[in-house]
Amino acid sequence: MSPPDAATDPYAALEHELRIIIRRAQSAAAQLAKRIHPELEASAYPLLAHISMHPGTRGSDLAAHFGIGRATVSRQLSRLVALGLVRREVDPEDTRGQRITLTEDGAARFERARAARVENLHEILAEWEREDITQLASLMHRYSESFVRWRDARS
């Protein structure tokens, strides 16, 4: 059986574009992580972004949000603590849990990297109409929400 033709099958075309975007995003994420800290792994940037947007989040919240195991999150958080980018504090509402926030240094490093990433997007999409960028962001959000519903229905 031959693979579907991306020229005639929209799902094959989407799979092709997602594959390319994921690979390019992995490369960009590695570079972005190094901007934050030379020893930071690429997979940590989304964690830092979520913690930045949701200070005081818990490890279990991160695991659920990203669809990864608690042990994986715990290892990543331990590394972020060791690098001085995040801190864990006992949750006053549940002393068995911990609230996670960025350190002052972590917040400053993250914000510099985030601002540089946004500037890169301005440069990459300089020839695009603002409405197209808005539509792309909306469609990507819609895809992400659909993916999470699909993933959670199979868990």
C-alpha atoms as a PDB file:
ATOM      1  CA  MET A   1       0.000   0.000   0.000  1.00  0.00           C
ATOM      2  CA  SER A   2       1.468   3.351  -1.021  1.00  0.00           C
ATOM      3  CA  PRO A   3       1.390   6.296   1.362  1.00  0.00           C
ATOM      4  CA  PRO A   4      -1.298   8.946   0.835  1.00  0.00           C
ATOM      5  CA  ASP A   5      -0.396  11.731  -1.568  1.00  0.00           C
ATOM      6  CA  ALA A   6       0.092  15.061   0.202  1.00  0.00           C
ATOM      7  CA  ALA A   7      -0.892  16.841  -3.028  1.00  0.00           C
ATOM      8  CA  THR A   8      -4.395  15.356  -2.970  1.00  0.00           C
ATOM      9  CA  ASP A   9      -5.001  14.232   0.637  1.00  0.00           C
ATOM     10  CA  PRO A  10      -5.317  17.104   3.146  1.00  0.00           C
ATOM     11  CA  TYR A  11      -4.519  14.792   6.086  1.00  0.00           C
ATOM     12  CA  ALA A  12      -1.322  13.616   4.389  1.00  0.00           C
ATOM     13  CA  ALA A  13      -0.421  17.245   3.657  1.00  0.00           C
ATOM     14  CA  LEU A  14      -1.074  18.186   7.280  1.00  0.00           C
ATOM     15  CA  GLU A  15       0.998  15.258   8.563  1.00  0.00           C
ATOM     16  CA  HIS A  16       3.845  16.322   6.272  1.00  0.00           C
ATOM     17  CA  GLU A  17       3.751  19.938   7.478  1.00  0.00           C
ATOM     18  CA  LEU A  18       3.454  18.905  11.143  1.00  0.00           C
ATOM     19  CA  ARG A  19       6.475  16.623  10.763  1.00  0.00           C
ATOM     20  CA  ILE A  20       8.533  19.492   9.342  1.00  0.00           C
ATOM     21  CA  ILE A  21       7.311  22.019  11.907  1.00  0.00           C
ATOM     22  CA  ILE A  22       8.023  19.630  14.787  1.00  0.00           C
ATOM     23  CA  ARG A  23      11.572  19.031  13.596  1.00  0.00           C
ATOM     24  CA  ARG A  24      12.234  22.733  13.094  1.00  0.00           C
ATOM     25  CA  ALA A  25      10.628  23.517  16.451  1.00  0.00           C
ATOM     26  CA  GLN A  26      12.881  20.977  18.176  1.00  0.00           C
ATOM     27  CA  SER A  27      15.929  22.652  16.688  1.00  0.00           C
ATOM     28  CA  ALA A  28      14.678  26.125  17.626  1.00  0.00           C
ATOM     29  CA  ALA A  29      13.763  24.934  21.133  1.00  0.00           C
ATOM     30  CA  ALA A  30      17.299  23.684  21.700  1.00  0.00           C
ATOM     31  CA  GLN A  31      18.715  27.067  20.691  1.00  0.00           C
ATOM     32  CA  LEU A  32      16.145  28.900  22.806  1.00  0.00           C
ATOM     33  CA  ALA A  33      16.920  26.773  25.863  1.00  0.00           C
ATOM     34  CA  LYS A  34      20.606  27.637  25.530  1.00  0.00           C
ATOM     35  CA  ARG A  35      19.675  31.336  25.572  1.00  0.00           C
ATOM     36  CA  ILE A  36      18.066  30.818  28.959  1.00  0.00           C
ATOM     37  CA  HIS A  37      20.863  28.695  30.423  1.00  0.00           C
ATOM     38  CA  PRO A  38      23.717  26.848  28.707  1.00  0.00           C
ATOM     39  CA  GLU A  39      22.799  23.606  30.527  1.00  0.00           C
ATOM     40  CA  LEU A  40      19.056  23.805  29.931  1.00  0.00           C
ATOM     41  CA  GLU A  41      17.360  21.060  27.900  1.00  0.00           C
ATOM     42  CA  ALA A  42      14.994  22.076  25.097  1.00  0.00           C
ATOM     43  CA  SER A  43      12.062  20.280  26.727  1.00  0.00           C
ATOM     44  CA  ALA A  44      12.253  22.631  29.712  1.00  0.00           C
ATOM     45  CA  TYR A  45      11.181  25.807  27.873  1.00  0.00           C
ATOM     46  CA  PRO A  46       7.467  24.894  27.800  1.00  0.00           C
ATOM     47  CA  LEU A  47       7.628  24.107  31.534  1.00  0.00           C
ATOM     48  CA  LEU A  48       9.180  27.492  32.249  1.00  0.00           C
ATOM     49  CA  ALA A  49       6.564  29.196  30.081  1.00  0.00           C
ATOM     50  CA  HIS A  50       3.726  27.470  31.918  1.00  0.00           C
ATOM     51  CA  ILE A  51       5.218  28.267  35.321  1.00  0.00           C
ATOM     52  CA  SER A  52       5.676  31.879  34.239  1.00  0.00           C
ATOM     53  CA  MET A  53       2.023  32.101  33.194  1.00  0.00           C
ATOM     54  CA  HIS A  54       0.787  30.140  36.231  1.00  0.00           C
ATOM     55  CA  PRO A  55       3.022  30.929  39.215  1.00  0.00           C
ATOM     56  CA  GLY A  56       2.445  28.533  42.075  1.00  0.00           C
ATOM     57  CA  THR A  57       1.459  25.664  39.809  1.00  0.00           C
ATOM     58  CA  ARG A  58       2.002  22.128  41.086  1.00  0.00           C
ATOM     59  CA  GLY A  59       4.003  19.350  39.477  1.00  0.00           C
ATOM     60  CA  SER A  60       0.840  17.317  38.993  1.00  0.00           C
ATOM     61  CA  ASP A  61      -0.704  20.282  37.132  1.00  0.00           C
ATOM     62  CA  LEU A  62       2.316  20.379  34.809  1.00  0.00           C
ATOM     63  CA  ALA A  63       2.128  16.643  34.188  1.00  0.00           C
ATOM     64  CA  ALA A  64      -1.577  16.853  33.342  1.00  0.00           C
ATOM     65  CA  HIS A  65      -1.163  19.942  31.160  1.00  0.00           C
ATOM     66  CA  PHE A  66       1.633  18.435  29.069  1.00  0.00           C
ATOM     67  CA  GLY A  67       0.364  14.862  29.142  1.00  0.00           C
ATOM     68  CA  ILE A  68       3.558  13.468  30.647  1.00  0.00           C
ATOM     69  CA  GLY A  69       4.276  11.425  33.754  1.00  0.00           C
ATOM     70  CA  ARG A  70       4.774  12.951  37.174  1.00  0.00           C
ATOM     71  CA  ALA A  71       8.174  11.290  37.469  1.00  0.00           C
ATOM     72  CA  THR A  72       9.297  12.991  34.244  1.00  0.00           C
ATOM     73  CA  VAL A  73       8.074  16.365  35.506  1.00  0.00           C
ATOM     74  CA  SER A  74       9.761  15.797  38.858  1.00  0.00           C
ATOM     75  CA  ARG A  75      13.109  15.071  37.169  1.00  0.00           C
ATOM     76  CA  GLN A  76      12.789  18.145  34.960  1.00  0.00           C
ATOM     77  CA  LEU A  77      11.830  20.342  37.910  1.00  0.00           C
ATOM     78  CA  SER A  78      14.781  19.041  39.949  1.00  0.00           C
ATOM     79  CA  ARG A  79      17.061  20.077  37.098  1.00  0.00           C
ATOM     80  CA  LEU A  80      15.440  23.527  36.900  1.00  0.00           C
ATOM     81  CA  VAL A  81      15.881  23.951  40.664  1.00  0.00           C
ATOM     82  CA  ALA A  82      19.549  22.907  40.399  1.00  0.00           C
ATOM     83  CA  LEU A  83      20.051  25.520  37.657  1.00  0.00           C
ATOM     84  CA  GLY A  84      18.488  28.188  39.878  1.00  0.00           C
ATOM     85  CA  LEU A  85      15.585  28.851  37.497  1.00  0.00           C
ATOM     86  CA  VAL A  86      12.662  27.653  39.646  1.00  0.00           C
ATOM     87  CA  ARG A  87      11.912  27.148  43.299  1.00  0.00           C
ATOM     88  CA  ARG A  88       9.571  24.752  45.041  1.00  0.00           C
ATOM     89  CA  GLU A  89       7.718  25.783  48.166  1.00  0.00           C
ATOM     90  CA  VAL A  90       5.414  23.748  50.377  1.00  0.00           C
ATOM     91  CA  ASP A  91       1.791  24.239  49.386  1.00  0.00           C
ATOM     92  CA  PRO A  92       0.108  25.926  52.381  1.00  0.00           C
ATOM     93  CA  GLU A  93      -3.224  24.310  51.410  1.00  0.00           C
ATOM     94  CA  ASP A  94      -1.752  20.796  51.166  1.00  0.00           C
ATOM     95  CA  THR A  95       1.607  20.284  52.870  1.00  0.00           C
ATOM     96  CA  ARG A  96       2.186  17.111  50.828  1.00  0.00           C
ATOM     97  CA  GLY A  97       2.357  19.198  47.634  1.00  0.00           C
ATOM     98  CA  GLN A  98       4.650  21.902  46.365  1.00  0.00           C
ATOM     99  CA  ARG A  99       3.988  25.166  44.558  1.00  0.00           C
ATOM    100  CA  ILE A 100       6.439  25.995  41.803  1.00  0.00           C
ATOM    101  CA  THR A 101       7.511  29.480  40.769  1.00  0.00           C
ATOM    102  CA  LEU A 102      10.312  30.986  38.736  1.00  0.00           C
ATOM    103  CA  THR A 103      13.191  32.488  40.656  1.00  0.00           C
ATOM    104  CA  GLU A 104      13.976  36.136  39.957  1.00  0.00           C
ATOM    105  CA  ASP A 105      16.885  35.023  37.769  1.00  0.00           C
ATOM    106  CA  GLY A 106      14.728  32.371  36.076  1.00  0.00           C
ATOM    107  CA  ALA A 107      12.005  34.915  35.325  1.00  0.00           C
ATOM    108  CA  ALA A 108      14.495  37.405  33.879  1.00  0.00           C
ATOM    109  CA  ARG A 109      16.199  34.760  31.721  1.00  0.00           C
ATOM    110  CA  PHE A 110      12.874  33.354  30.536  1.00  0.00           C
ATOM    111  CA  GLU A 111      11.504  36.791  29.649  1.00  0.00           C
ATOM    112  CA  ARG A 112      14.604  37.684  27.611  1.00  0.00           C
ATOM    113  CA  ALA A 113      14.311  34.429  25.665  1.00  0.00           C
ATOM    114  CA  ARG A 114      10.550  34.824  25.175  1.00  0.00           C
ATOM    115  CA  ALA A 115      10.966  38.391  23.937  1.00  0.00           C
ATOM    116  CA  ALA A 116      13.666  37.244  21.488  1.00  0.00           C
ATOM    117  CA  ARG A 117      11.364  34.479  20.244  1.00  0.00           C
ATOM    118  CA  VAL A 118       8.531  36.957  19.653  1.00  0.00           C
ATOM    119  CA  GLU A 119      10.943  39.244  17.816  1.00  0.00           C
ATOM    120  CA  ASN A 120      12.020  36.304  15.648  1.00  0.00           C
ATOM    121  CA  LEU A 121       8.369  35.668  14.782  1.00  0.00           C
ATOM    122  CA  HIS A 122       8.025  39.321  13.774  1.00  0.00           C
ATOM    123  CA  GLU A 123      10.982  38.889  11.419  1.00  0.00           C
ATOM    124  CA  ILE A 124       9.878  35.502  10.048  1.00  0.00           C
ATOM    125  CA  LEU A 125       6.334  36.704   9.359  1.00  0.00           C
ATOM    126  CA  ALA A 126       7.180  40.268   8.331  1.00  0.00           C
ATOM    127  CA  GLU A 127       5.569  39.831   4.910  1.00  0.00           C
ATOM    128  CA  TRP A 128       2.369  38.308   6.306  1.00  0.00           C
ATOM    129  CA  GLU A 129      -0.834  40.240   6.883  1.00  0.00           C
ATOM    130  CA  ARG A 130      -1.766  40.637  10.542  1.00  0.00           C
ATOM    131  CA  GLU A 131      -5.077  38.841   9.903  1.00  0.00           C
ATOM    132  CA  ASP A 132      -3.190  35.819   8.536  1.00  0.00           C
ATOM    133  CA  ILE A 133      -1.036  35.658  11.667  1.00  0.00           C
ATOM    134  CA  THR A 134      -4.162  35.901  13.817  1.00  0.00           C
ATOM    135  CA  GLN A 135      -5.799  33.131  11.799  1.00  0.00           C
ATOM    136  CA  LEU A 136      -2.714  30.916  12.043  1.00  0.00           C
ATOM    137  CA  ALA A 137      -2.597  31.355  15.821  1.00  0.00           C
ATOM    138  CA  SER A 138      -6.319  30.619  16.071  1.00  0.00           C
ATOM    139  CA  LEU A 139      -6.069  27.473  13.945  1.00  0.00           C
ATOM    140  CA  MET A 140      -3.021  26.243  15.849  1.00  0.00           C
ATOM    141  CA  HIS A 141      -4.892  26.786  19.127  1.00  0.00           C
ATOM    142  CA  ARG A 142      -7.900  24.941  17.746  1.00  0.00           C
ATOM    143  CA  TYR A 143      -5.685  22.038  16.656  1.00  0.00           C
ATOM    144  CA  SER A 144      -4.014  21.936  20.070  1.00  0.00           C
ATOM    145  CA  GLU A 145      -7.367  21.855  21.869  1.00  0.00           C
ATOM    146  CA  SER A 146      -8.604  19.079  19.562  1.00  0.00           C
ATOM    147  CA  PHE A 147      -5.417  17.123  20.158  1.00  0.00           C
ATOM    148  CA  VAL A 148      -5.782  17.371  23.950  1.00  0.00           C
ATOM    149  CA  ARG A 149      -9.413  16.211  23.797  1.00  0.00           C
ATOM    150  CA  TRP A 150      -8.398  13.311  21.532  1.00  0.00           C
ATOM    151  CA  ARG A 151      -5.453  12.374  23.760  1.00  0.00           C
ATOM    152  CA  ASP A 152      -7.468  12.570  26.972  1.00  0.00           C
ATOM    153  CA  ALA A 153     -10.267  10.438  25.503  1.00  0.00           C
ATOM    154  CA  ARG A 154      -7.716   7.653  24.910  1.00  0.00           C
ATOM    155  CA  SER A 155      -6.066   7.823  28.338  1.00  0.00           C
END
